[in-house]
Amino acid sequence: MPWILLFFAGLFEVGWAIGLKYTEGFTRLWPSVGTIAAMAISLGLLGVAMKSLPVGTAYAVWVGVGAVGTVILGIVLFNEPLNTLRVASVLLIVAGLVGLKLA
């Protein structure tokens, strides 16, 4: 169960990272409210998951899920570049996450 909570914490991290783009420096009310809510949920789920997972592993997985998801959505939503080096880098992050899960 803690791994599932950690995964969802990472998804909410993606939500707030992408949400930051839409807040326009926290000048838009509803995107700002959604972004702050996603931040709170993400940190809350991370905290619960850390009750039974090692802190270093939990934090690295949380950041990794957030980073991979944010890169993917950046490409899809904002037309950020998609090239071999970016794909290879994301795959290395995923490999690291799998390694931490198996360790």
Protein backbone atom coordinates (compact mmCIF):
# COMPACT_ATOMS: atom_id res chain seq x y z
CA MET A 1 0.00 0.00 0.00
CA PRO A 2 2.76 2.54 0.73
CA TRP A 3 4.13 2.11 -2.80
CA ILE A 4 0.70 2.88 -4.26
CA LEU A 5 0.42 5.97 -2.07
CA LEU A 6 3.91 7.00 -3.13
CA PHE A 7 3.00 6.59 -6.81
CA PHE A 8 -0.08 8.80 -6.37
CA ALA A 9 2.01 11.32 -4.45
CA GLY A 10 4.28 11.45 -7.51
CA LEU A 11 1.28 11.94 -9.81
CA PHE A 12 0.10 14.86 -7.71
CA GLU A 13 3.63 16.24 -7.90
CA VAL A 14 3.27 16.19 -11.68
CA GLY A 15 -0.05 17.99 -11.24
CA TRP A 16 1.42 20.82 -9.24
CA ALA A 17 4.52 21.11 -11.40
CA ILE A 18 2.40 21.48 -14.53
CA GLY A 19 -0.08 23.63 -12.62
CA LEU A 20 2.66 26.14 -11.87
CA LYS A 21 2.84 26.93 -15.57
CA TYR A 22 -0.88 27.78 -15.61
CA THR A 23 -0.82 29.97 -12.49
CA GLU A 24 1.23 32.63 -14.30
CA GLY A 25 3.19 33.40 -11.14
CA PHE A 26 0.18 32.74 -8.89
CA THR A 27 -1.74 35.59 -10.52
CA ARG A 28 -4.60 33.36 -11.72
CA LEU A 29 -6.92 32.27 -8.91
CA TRP A 30 -8.24 28.85 -9.92
CA PRO A 31 -5.04 27.43 -11.36
CA SER A 32 -3.30 28.66 -8.20
CA VAL A 33 -5.89 26.99 -5.95
CA GLY A 34 -5.56 23.71 -7.88
CA THR A 35 -1.78 23.86 -7.79
CA ILE A 36 -1.68 24.50 -4.04
CA ALA A 37 -4.19 21.68 -3.45
CA ALA A 38 -2.05 19.29 -5.53
CA MET A 39 1.02 20.33 -3.51
CA ALA A 40 -0.74 19.59 -0.23
CA ILE A 41 -2.08 16.23 -1.40
CA SER A 42 1.30 15.24 -2.84
CA LEU A 43 3.17 16.06 0.36
CA GLY A 44 0.48 14.42 2.50
CA LEU A 45 0.65 11.17 0.55
CA LEU A 46 4.44 11.27 0.62
CA GLY A 47 4.38 11.68 4.39
CA VAL A 48 2.05 8.72 4.86
CA ALA A 49 4.14 6.53 2.53
CA MET A 50 7.29 7.45 4.45
CA LYS A 51 5.87 5.88 7.59
CA SER A 52 6.88 2.48 6.25
CA LEU A 53 9.36 3.17 3.44
CA PRO A 54 12.97 4.31 3.80
CA VAL A 55 13.16 8.10 3.54
CA GLY A 56 15.81 8.16 0.81
CA THR A 57 13.99 5.64 -1.34
CA ALA A 58 10.59 7.28 -0.87
CA TYR A 59 11.88 10.75 -1.65
CA ALA A 60 13.84 9.61 -4.72
CA VAL A 61 10.85 7.71 -6.11
CA TRP A 62 8.53 10.67 -5.45
CA VAL A 63 10.87 13.05 -7.26
CA GLY A 64 11.50 10.54 -10.05
CA VAL A 65 7.82 9.91 -10.75
CA GLY A 66 7.26 13.67 -10.71
CA ALA A 67 10.19 14.33 -13.04
CA VAL A 68 9.26 11.66 -15.57
CA GLY A 69 5.60 12.68 -15.60
CA THR A 70 6.43 16.36 -15.90
CA VAL A 71 8.81 15.77 -18.81
CA ILE A 72 6.17 13.71 -20.62
CA LEU A 73 3.43 16.29 -20.07
CA GLY A 74 5.81 19.10 -21.01
CA ILE A 75 6.31 17.40 -24.35
CA VAL A 76 2.59 16.75 -24.85
CA LEU A 77 1.13 20.02 -23.52
CA PHE A 78 3.83 22.59 -24.21
CA ASN A 79 5.56 21.17 -27.28
CA GLU A 80 8.86 20.85 -25.44
CA PRO A 81 11.54 19.10 -27.49
CA LEU A 82 11.49 15.33 -27.88
CA ASN A 83 14.85 13.93 -28.85
CA THR A 84 17.00 10.89 -28.26
CA LEU A 85 18.95 12.37 -25.35
CA ARG A 86 15.79 13.40 -23.49
CA VAL A 87 14.20 9.97 -23.99
CA ALA A 88 17.40 8.22 -22.86
CA SER A 89 17.59 10.46 -19.79
CA VAL A 90 13.99 9.72 -18.81
CA LEU A 91 14.62 5.99 -19.30
CA LEU A 92 17.61 6.25 -16.96
CA ILE A 93 15.38 7.84 -14.32
CA VAL A 94 12.84 5.03 -14.76
CA ALA A 95 15.63 2.45 -14.45
CA GLY A 96 16.73 4.10 -11.22
CA LEU A 97 13.17 4.01 -9.86
CA VAL A 98 12.84 0.32 -10.70
CA GLY A 99 16.20 -0.32 -9.03
CA LEU A 100 15.10 1.45 -5.86
CA LYS A 101 11.85 -0.52 -5.81
CA LEU A 102 13.72 -3.81 -6.15
CA ALA A 103 16.46 -2.94 -3.65
